[in-house]
Amino acid sequence: QMLALTIHNFLSAATGIALAFALFRGFARRSASGLG
């Protein structure tokens, strides 16, 4: 419960938010090649 499962609860959530940040940067940046 603690190691195999709860670790995913943190990291899968962080992955989702990180990808949202990447898309936000896509809209916000100008003539850029990177997303963070």
PDB file of all heavy atoms in Angstrom:
ATOM      1  N   GLN A   1       0.829  -1.202   0.000  1.00  0.00           N
ATOM      2  CA  GLN A   1       0.000   0.000   0.000  1.00  0.00           C
ATOM      3  C   GLN A   1       0.867   1.256   0.000  1.00  0.00           C
ATOM      4  O   GLN A   1       0.589   2.223  -0.724  1.00  0.00           O
ATOM      5  CB  GLN A   1      -0.909   0.007   1.244  1.00  0.00           C
ATOM      6  CG  GLN A   1      -1.964  -1.093   1.287  1.00  0.00           C
ATOM      7  CD  GLN A   1      -3.237  -0.713   0.545  1.00  0.00           C
ATOM      8  OE1 GLN A   1      -3.256   0.223  -0.254  1.00  0.00           O
ATOM      9  NE2 GLN A   1      -4.306  -1.444   0.798  1.00  0.00           N
ATOM     10  N   MET A   2       1.935   1.246   0.806  1.00  0.00           N
ATOM     11  CA  MET A   2       2.743   2.456   0.971  1.00  0.00           C
ATOM     12  C   MET A   2       3.756   2.662  -0.145  1.00  0.00           C
ATOM     13  O   MET A   2       3.929   3.775  -0.640  1.00  0.00           O
ATOM     14  CB  MET A   2       3.475   2.407   2.318  1.00  0.00           C
ATOM     15  CG  MET A   2       2.571   2.507   3.529  1.00  0.00           C
ATOM     16  SD  MET A   2       3.494   2.638   5.083  1.00  0.00           S
ATOM     17  CE  MET A   2       4.302   1.040   5.136  1.00  0.00           C
ATOM     18  N   LEU A   3       4.441   1.593  -0.535  1.00  0.00           N
ATOM     19  CA  LEU A   3       5.536   1.731  -1.499  1.00  0.00           C
ATOM     20  C   LEU A   3       5.077   1.499  -2.929  1.00  0.00           C
ATOM     21  O   LEU A   3       5.360   2.297  -3.829  1.00  0.00           O
ATOM     22  CB  LEU A   3       6.661   0.752  -1.149  1.00  0.00           C
ATOM     23  CG  LEU A   3       7.921   0.825  -2.019  1.00  0.00           C
ATOM     24  CD1 LEU A   3       8.517   2.232  -1.982  1.00  0.00           C
ATOM     25  CD2 LEU A   3       8.947  -0.204  -1.562  1.00  0.00           C
ATOM     26  N   ALA A   4       4.348   0.421  -3.154  1.00  0.00           N
ATOM     27  CA  ALA A   4       3.954   0.100  -4.527  1.00  0.00           C
ATOM     28  C   ALA A   4       2.846   1.009  -5.036  1.00  0.00           C
ATOM     29  O   ALA A   4       2.809   1.343  -6.225  1.00  0.00           O
ATOM     30  CB  ALA A   4       3.504  -1.365  -4.607  1.00  0.00           C
ATOM     31  N   LEU A   5       1.921   1.426  -4.146  1.00  0.00           N
ATOM     32  CA  LEU A   5       0.734   2.153  -4.602  1.00  0.00           C
ATOM     33  C   LEU A   5       0.786   3.645  -4.292  1.00  0.00           C
ATOM     34  O   LEU A   5       0.562   4.474  -5.174  1.00  0.00           O
ATOM     35  CB  LEU A   5      -0.526   1.532  -3.988  1.00  0.00           C
ATOM     36  CG  LEU A   5      -0.727   0.026  -4.243  1.00  0.00           C
ATOM     37  CD1 LEU A   5      -2.078  -0.431  -3.705  1.00  0.00           C
ATOM     38  CD2 LEU A   5      -0.590  -0.321  -5.717  1.00  0.00           C
ATOM     39  N   THR A   6       1.065   3.998  -3.049  1.00  0.00           N
ATOM     40  CA  THR A   6       1.008   5.412  -2.682  1.00  0.00           C
ATOM     41  C   THR A   6       2.049   6.237  -3.436  1.00  0.00           C
ATOM     42  O   THR A   6       1.817   7.410  -3.751  1.00  0.00           O
ATOM     43  CB  THR A   6       1.196   5.588  -1.163  1.00  0.00           C
ATOM     44  OG1 THR A   6       0.193   4.822  -0.483  1.00  0.00           O
ATOM     45  CG2 THR A   6       1.055   7.042  -0.757  1.00  0.00           C
ATOM     46  N   ILE A   7       3.187   5.648  -3.752  1.00  0.00           N
ATOM     47  CA  ILE A   7       4.198   6.379  -4.517  1.00  0.00           C
ATOM     48  C   ILE A   7       3.641   6.829  -5.866  1.00  0.00           C
ATOM     49  O   ILE A   7       3.927   7.929  -6.348  1.00  0.00           O
ATOM     50  CB  ILE A   7       5.477   5.512  -4.690  1.00  0.00           C
ATOM     51  CG1 ILE A   7       6.608   6.344  -5.294  1.00  0.00           C
ATOM     52  CG2 ILE A   7       5.211   4.298  -5.584  1.00  0.00           C
ATOM     53  CD1 ILE A   7       7.930   5.599  -5.336  1.00  0.00           C
ATOM     54  N   HIS A   8       2.800   5.976  -6.466  1.00  0.00           N
ATOM     55  CA  HIS A   8       2.168   6.356  -7.738  1.00  0.00           C
ATOM     56  C   HIS A   8       1.162   7.484  -7.532  1.00  0.00           C
ATOM     57  O   HIS A   8       0.964   8.315  -8.429  1.00  0.00           O
ATOM     58  CB  HIS A   8       1.465   5.157  -8.357  1.00  0.00           C
ATOM     59  CG  HIS A   8       2.381   4.221  -9.075  1.00  0.00           C
ATOM     60  ND1 HIS A   8       3.062   4.566 -10.211  1.00  0.00           N
ATOM     61  CD2 HIS A   8       2.728   2.938  -8.820  1.00  0.00           C
ATOM     62  CE1 HIS A   8       3.797   3.547 -10.633  1.00  0.00           C
ATOM     63  NE2 HIS A   8       3.619   2.552  -9.790  1.00  0.00           N
ATOM     64  N   ASN A   9       0.489   7.480  -6.382  1.00  0.00           N
ATOM     65  CA  ASN A   9      -0.486   8.536  -6.131  1.00  0.00           C
ATOM     66  C   ASN A   9       0.169   9.916  -6.188  1.00  0.00           C
ATOM     67  O   ASN A   9      -0.438  10.887  -6.647  1.00  0.00           O
ATOM     68  CB  ASN A   9      -1.143   8.331  -4.767  1.00  0.00           C
ATOM     69  CG  ASN A   9      -2.110   7.158  -4.759  1.00  0.00           C
ATOM     70  OD1 ASN A   9      -2.423   6.600  -5.807  1.00  0.00           O
ATOM     71  ND2 ASN A   9      -2.576   6.785  -3.585  1.00  0.00           N
ATOM     72  N   PHE A  10       1.404  10.001  -5.710  1.00  0.00           N
ATOM     73  CA  PHE A  10       2.146  11.265  -5.805  1.00  0.00           C
ATOM     74  C   PHE A  10       2.661  11.509  -7.219  1.00  0.00           C
ATOM     75  O   PHE A  10       2.464  12.580  -7.792  1.00  0.00           O
ATOM     76  CB  PHE A  10       3.329  11.258  -4.825  1.00  0.00           C
ATOM     77  CG  PHE A  10       2.943  11.541  -3.406  1.00  0.00           C
ATOM     78  CD1 PHE A  10       2.713  10.494  -2.519  1.00  0.00           C
ATOM     79  CD2 PHE A  10       2.801  12.835  -2.951  1.00  0.00           C
ATOM     80  CE1 PHE A  10       2.354  10.745  -1.205  1.00  0.00           C
ATOM     81  CE2 PHE A  10       2.447  13.116  -1.638  1.00  0.00           C
ATOM     82  CZ  PHE A  10       2.225  12.060  -0.756  1.00  0.00           C
ATOM     83  N   LEU A  11       3.322  10.511  -7.786  1.00  0.00           N
ATOM     84  CA  LEU A  11       4.061  10.744  -9.028  1.00  0.00           C
ATOM     85  C   LEU A  11       3.166  10.773 -10.261  1.00  0.00           C
ATOM     86  O   LEU A  11       3.462  11.494 -11.221  1.00  0.00           O
ATOM     87  CB  LEU A  11       5.161   9.696  -9.167  1.00  0.00           C
ATOM     88  CG  LEU A  11       6.222   9.754  -8.054  1.00  0.00           C
ATOM     89  CD1 LEU A  11       7.251   8.648  -8.227  1.00  0.00           C
ATOM     90  CD2 LEU A  11       6.907  11.121  -8.022  1.00  0.00           C
ATOM     91  N   SER A  12       2.076  10.007 -10.261  1.00  0.00           N
ATOM     92  CA  SER A  12       1.163  10.105 -11.412  1.00  0.00           C
ATOM     93  C   SER A  12       0.435  11.445 -11.389  1.00  0.00           C
ATOM     94  O   SER A  12       0.160  12.035 -12.444  1.00  0.00           O
ATOM     95  CB  SER A  12       0.163   8.944 -11.398  1.00  0.00           C
ATOM     96  OG  SER A  12      -0.724   9.027 -10.297  1.00  0.00           O
ATOM     97  N   ALA A  13       0.119  11.947 -10.183  1.00  0.00           N
ATOM     98  CA  ALA A  13      -0.496  13.267 -10.079  1.00  0.00           C
ATOM     99  C   ALA A  13       0.472  14.353 -10.532  1.00  0.00           C
ATOM    100  O   ALA A  13       0.104  15.269 -11.285  1.00  0.00           O
ATOM    101  CB  ALA A  13      -0.953  13.520  -8.645  1.00  0.00           C
ATOM    102  N   ALA A  14       1.722  14.259 -10.080  1.00  0.00           N
ATOM    103  CA  ALA A  14       2.728  15.246 -10.487  1.00  0.00           C
ATOM    104  C   ALA A  14       2.955  15.203 -11.998  1.00  0.00           C
ATOM    105  O   ALA A  14       3.159  16.249 -12.636  1.00  0.00           O
ATOM    106  CB  ALA A  14       4.038  14.984  -9.754  1.00  0.00           C
ATOM    107  N   THR A  15       2.897  14.005 -12.586  1.00  0.00           N
ATOM    108  CA  THR A  15       3.054  13.884 -14.036  1.00  0.00           C
ATOM    109  C   THR A  15       1.966  14.658 -14.768  1.00  0.00           C
ATOM    110  O   THR A  15       2.236  15.382 -15.734  1.00  0.00           O
ATOM    111  CB  THR A  15       3.022  12.403 -14.460  1.00  0.00           C
ATOM    112  OG1 THR A  15       4.126  11.705 -13.874  1.00  0.00           O
ATOM    113  CG2 THR A  15       3.102  12.266 -15.972  1.00  0.00           C
ATOM    114  N   GLY A  16       0.719  14.509 -14.313  1.00  0.00           N
ATOM    115  CA  GLY A  16      -0.389  15.215 -14.957  1.00  0.00           C
ATOM    116  C   GLY A  16      -0.228  16.719 -14.905  1.00  0.00           C
ATOM    117  O   GLY A  16      -0.437  17.419 -15.907  1.00  0.00           O
ATOM    118  N   ILE A  17       0.163  17.245 -13.742  1.00  0.00           N
ATOM    119  CA  ILE A  17       0.330  18.691 -13.612  1.00  0.00           C
ATOM    120  C   ILE A  17       1.521  19.169 -14.432  1.00  0.00           C
ATOM    121  O   ILE A  17       1.481  20.237 -15.059  1.00  0.00           O
ATOM    122  CB  ILE A  17       0.492  19.086 -12.134  1.00  0.00           C
ATOM    123  CG1 ILE A  17      -0.673  18.555 -11.293  1.00  0.00           C
ATOM    124  CG2 ILE A  17       0.546  20.604 -12.007  1.00  0.00           C
ATOM    125  CD1 ILE A  17      -0.497  18.744  -9.798  1.00  0.00           C
ATOM    126  N   ALA A  18       2.596  18.379 -14.442  1.00  0.00           N
ATOM    127  CA  ALA A  18       3.767  18.748 -15.236  1.00  0.00           C
ATOM    128  C   ALA A  18       3.412  18.862 -16.714  1.00  0.00           C
ATOM    129  O   ALA A  18       3.876  19.782 -17.412  1.00  0.00           O
ATOM    130  CB  ALA A  18       4.879  17.713 -15.034  1.00  0.00           C
ATOM    131  N   LEU A  19       2.591  17.955 -17.214  1.00  0.00           N
ATOM    132  CA  LEU A  19       2.189  18.007 -18.621  1.00  0.00           C
ATOM    133  C   LEU A  19       1.304  19.214 -18.903  1.00  0.00           C
ATOM    134  O   LEU A  19       1.368  19.803 -19.980  1.00  0.00           O
ATOM    135  CB  LEU A  19       1.477  16.709 -18.991  1.00  0.00           C
ATOM    136  CG  LEU A  19       2.402  15.479 -18.973  1.00  0.00           C
ATOM    137  CD1 LEU A  19       1.599  14.200 -18.947  1.00  0.00           C
ATOM    138  CD2 LEU A  19       3.341  15.497 -20.160  1.00  0.00           C
ATOM    139  N   ALA A  20       0.464  19.588 -17.923  1.00  0.00           N
ATOM    140  CA  ALA A  20      -0.318  20.816 -18.075  1.00  0.00           C
ATOM    141  C   ALA A  20       0.610  22.026 -18.151  1.00  0.00           C
ATOM    142  O   ALA A  20       0.417  22.923 -18.991  1.00  0.00           O
ATOM    143  CB  ALA A  20      -1.294  20.958 -16.911  1.00  0.00           C
ATOM    144  N   PHE A  21       1.634  22.051 -17.311  1.00  0.00           N
ATOM    145  CA  PHE A  21       2.619  23.137 -17.358  1.00  0.00           C
ATOM    146  C   PHE A  21       3.280  23.202 -18.740  1.00  0.00           C
ATOM    147  O   PHE A  21       3.501  24.288 -19.286  1.00  0.00           O
ATOM    148  CB  PHE A  21       3.688  22.931 -16.287  1.00  0.00           C
ATOM    149  CG  PHE A  21       3.273  23.338 -14.894  1.00  0.00           C
ATOM    150  CD1 PHE A  21       1.975  23.769 -14.618  1.00  0.00           C
ATOM    151  CD2 PHE A  21       4.188  23.296 -13.847  1.00  0.00           C
ATOM    152  CE1 PHE A  21       1.601  24.144 -13.328  1.00  0.00           C
ATOM    153  CE2 PHE A  21       3.828  23.678 -12.562  1.00  0.00           C
ATOM    154  CZ  PHE A  21       2.533  24.094 -12.298  1.00  0.00           C
ATOM    155  N   ALA A  22       3.624  22.042 -19.283  1.00  0.00           N
ATOM    156  CA  ALA A  22       4.272  22.011 -20.595  1.00  0.00           C
ATOM    157  C   ALA A  22       3.363  22.608 -21.665  1.00  0.00           C
ATOM    158  O   ALA A  22       3.821  23.370 -22.534  1.00  0.00           O
ATOM    159  CB  ALA A  22       4.651  20.576 -20.955  1.00  0.00           C
ATOM    160  N   LEU A  23       2.068  22.283 -21.611  1.00  0.00           N
ATOM    161  CA  LEU A  23       1.132  22.841 -22.590  1.00  0.00           C
ATOM    162  C   LEU A  23       0.951  24.341 -22.368  1.00  0.00           C
ATOM    163  O   LEU A  23       0.855  25.109 -23.333  1.00  0.00           O
ATOM    164  CB  LEU A  23      -0.213  22.121 -22.507  1.00  0.00           C
ATOM    165  CG  LEU A  23      -1.274  22.548 -23.532  1.00  0.00           C
ATOM    166  CD1 LEU A  23      -0.758  22.398 -24.958  1.00  0.00           C
ATOM    167  CD2 LEU A  23      -2.556  21.747 -23.356  1.00  0.00           C
ATOM    168  N   PHE A  24       0.899  24.758 -21.108  1.00  0.00           N
ATOM    169  CA  PHE A  24       0.811  26.200 -20.831  1.00  0.00           C
ATOM    170  C   PHE A  24       1.995  26.936 -21.454  1.00  0.00           C
ATOM    171  O   PHE A  24       1.844  28.018 -22.034  1.00  0.00           O
ATOM    172  CB  PHE A  24       0.815  26.466 -19.319  1.00  0.00           C
ATOM    173  CG  PHE A  24      -0.399  25.953 -18.573  1.00  0.00           C
ATOM    174  CD1 PHE A  24      -0.463  26.055 -17.188  1.00  0.00           C
ATOM    175  CD2 PHE A  24      -1.474  25.374 -19.236  1.00  0.00           C
ATOM    176  CE1 PHE A  24      -1.554  25.595 -16.485  1.00  0.00           C
ATOM    177  CE2 PHE A  24      -2.581  24.900 -18.545  1.00  0.00           C
ATOM    178  CZ  PHE A  24      -2.611  25.007 -17.158  1.00  0.00           C
ATOM    179  N   ARG A  25       3.193  26.354 -21.321  1.00  0.00           N
ATOM    180  CA  ARG A  25       4.382  26.990 -21.899  1.00  0.00           C
ATOM    181  C   ARG A  25       4.292  27.038 -23.418  1.00  0.00           C
ATOM    182  O   ARG A  25       4.789  27.977 -24.052  1.00  0.00           O
ATOM    183  CB  ARG A  25       5.647  26.243 -21.464  1.00  0.00           C
ATOM    184  CG  ARG A  25       5.930  26.351 -19.970  1.00  0.00           C
ATOM    185  CD  ARG A  25       7.228  25.664 -19.587  1.00  0.00           C
ATOM    186  NE  ARG A  25       7.409  25.679 -18.136  1.00  0.00           N
ATOM    187  CZ  ARG A  25       7.405  24.600 -17.353  1.00  0.00           C
ATOM    188  NH1 ARG A  25       7.257  23.401 -17.896  1.00  0.00           N
ATOM    189  NH2 ARG A  25       7.546  24.711 -16.053  1.00  0.00           N
ATOM    190  N   GLY A  26       3.661  26.023 -24.002  1.00  0.00           N
ATOM    191  CA  GLY A  26       3.476  26.037 -25.438  1.00  0.00           C
ATOM    192  C   GLY A  26       2.664  27.243 -25.888  1.00  0.00           C
ATOM    193  O   GLY A  26       2.992  27.893 -26.890  1.00  0.00           O
ATOM    194  N   PHE A  27       1.600  27.566 -25.146  1.00  0.00           N
ATOM    195  CA  PHE A  27       0.796  28.746 -25.469  1.00  0.00           C
ATOM    196  C   PHE A  27       1.524  30.040 -25.122  1.00  0.00           C
ATOM    197  O   PHE A  27       1.378  31.042 -25.827  1.00  0.00           O
ATOM    198  CB  PHE A  27      -0.531  28.697 -24.695  1.00  0.00           C
ATOM    199  CG  PHE A  27      -1.562  27.783 -25.296  1.00  0.00           C
ATOM    200  CD1 PHE A  27      -1.889  26.585 -24.684  1.00  0.00           C
ATOM    201  CD2 PHE A  27      -2.223  28.130 -26.466  1.00  0.00           C
ATOM    202  CE1 PHE A  27      -2.850  25.739 -25.219  1.00  0.00           C
ATOM    203  CE2 PHE A  27      -3.183  27.292 -27.016  1.00  0.00           C
ATOM    204  CZ  PHE A  27      -3.497  26.091 -26.396  1.00  0.00           C
ATOM    205  N   ALA A  28       2.312  30.042 -24.048  1.00  0.00           N
ATOM    206  CA  ALA A  28       2.895  31.284 -23.540  1.00  0.00           C
ATOM    207  C   ALA A  28       4.187  31.670 -24.237  1.00  0.00           C
ATOM    208  O   ALA A  28       4.478  32.865 -24.385  1.00  0.00           O
ATOM    209  CB  ALA A  28       3.143  31.154 -22.038  1.00  0.00           C
ATOM    210  N   ARG A  29       4.994  30.694 -24.663  1.00  0.00           N
ATOM    211  CA  ARG A  29       6.302  31.022 -25.230  1.00  0.00           C
ATOM    212  C   ARG A  29       6.195  31.437 -26.696  1.00  0.00           C
ATOM    213  O   ARG A  29       5.246  31.083 -27.391  1.00  0.00           O
ATOM    214  CB  ARG A  29       7.248  29.835 -25.081  1.00  0.00           C
ATOM    215  CG  ARG A  29       7.596  29.555 -23.619  1.00  0.00           C
ATOM    216  CD  ARG A  29       8.607  28.447 -23.468  1.00  0.00           C
ATOM    217  NE  ARG A  29       9.040  28.320 -22.073  1.00  0.00           N
ATOM    218  CZ  ARG A  29       9.955  27.470 -21.641  1.00  0.00           C
ATOM    219  NH1 ARG A  29      10.537  26.639 -22.505  1.00  0.00           N
ATOM    220  NH2 ARG A  29      10.290  27.422 -20.362  1.00  0.00           N
ATOM    221  N   ARG A  30       7.213  32.134 -27.148  1.00  0.00           N
ATOM    222  CA  ARG A  30       7.229  32.647 -28.520  1.00  0.00           C
ATOM    223  C   ARG A  30       8.503  32.204 -29.221  1.00  0.00           C
ATOM    224  O   ARG A  30       9.608  32.429 -28.713  1.00  0.00           O
ATOM    225  CB  ARG A  30       7.144  34.176 -28.505  1.00  0.00           C
ATOM    226  CG  ARG A  30       5.973  34.718 -27.704  1.00  0.00           C
ATOM    227  CD  ARG A  30       5.982  36.223 -27.633  1.00  0.00           C
ATOM    228  NE  ARG A  30       4.874  36.728 -26.812  1.00  0.00           N
ATOM    229  CZ  ARG A  30       4.569  38.001 -26.662  1.00  0.00           C
ATOM    230  NH1 ARG A  30       5.306  38.924 -27.279  1.00  0.00           N
ATOM    231  NH2 ARG A  30       3.565  38.371 -25.893  1.00  0.00           N
ATOM    232  N   SER A  31       8.340  31.567 -30.355  1.00  0.00           N
ATOM    233  CA  SER A  31       9.474  31.111 -31.172  1.00  0.00           C
ATOM    234  C   SER A  31      10.473  30.329 -30.332  1.00  0.00           C
ATOM    235  O   SER A  31      11.685  30.523 -30.426  1.00  0.00           O
ATOM    236  CB  SER A  31      10.161  32.308 -31.835  1.00  0.00           C
ATOM    237  OG  SER A  31       9.243  33.041 -32.614  1.00  0.00           O
ATOM    238  N   ALA A  32       9.973  29.428 -29.500  1.00  0.00           N
ATOM    239  CA  ALA A  32      10.815  28.652 -28.590  1.00  0.00           C
ATOM    240  C   ALA A  32      10.846  27.197 -29.033  1.00  0.00           C
ATOM    241  O   ALA A  32       9.944  26.707 -29.722  1.00  0.00           O
ATOM    242  CB  ALA A  32      10.286  28.750 -27.163  1.00  0.00           C
ATOM    243  N   SER A  33      11.894  26.502 -28.622  1.00  0.00           N
ATOM    244  CA  SER A  33      12.016  25.085 -28.973  1.00  0.00           C
ATOM    245  C   SER A  33      11.801  24.171 -27.773  1.00  0.00           C
ATOM    246  O   SER A  33      11.673  22.953 -27.942  1.00  0.00           O
ATOM    247  CB  SER A  33      13.412  24.813 -29.559  1.00  0.00           C
ATOM    248  OG  SER A  33      14.420  25.153 -28.613  1.00  0.00           O
ATOM    249  N   GLY A  34      11.745  24.731 -26.558  1.00  0.00           N
ATOM    250  CA  GLY A  34      11.628  23.912 -25.354  1.00  0.00           C
ATOM    251  C   GLY A  34      10.340  24.145 -24.596  1.00  0.00           C
ATOM    252  O   GLY A  34       9.667  25.169 -24.754  1.00  0.00           O
ATOM    253  N   LEU A  35      10.007  23.161 -23.731  1.00  0.00           N
ATOM    254  CA  LEU A  35       8.790  23.220 -22.923  1.00  0.00           C
ATOM    255  C   LEU A  35       9.089  23.150 -21.430  1.00  0.00           C
ATOM    256  O   LEU A  35       8.189  22.897 -20.632  1.00  0.00           O
ATOM    257  CB  LEU A  35       7.854  22.060 -23.297  1.00  0.00           C
ATOM    258  CG  LEU A  35       7.309  22.039 -24.719  1.00  0.00           C
ATOM    259  CD1 LEU A  35       6.496  20.767 -24.950  1.00  0.00           C
ATOM    260  CD2 LEU A  35       6.450  23.280 -24.988  1.00  0.00           C
ATOM    261  N   GLY A  36      10.341  23.377 -21.044  1.00  0.00           N
ATOM    262  CA  GLY A  36      10.702  23.234 -19.647  1.00  0.00           C
ATOM    263  C   GLY A  36      11.442  21.928 -19.407  1.00  0.00           C
ATOM    264  O   GLY A  36      11.864  21.247 -20.339  1.00  0.00           O
TER     265      GLY A  36
END
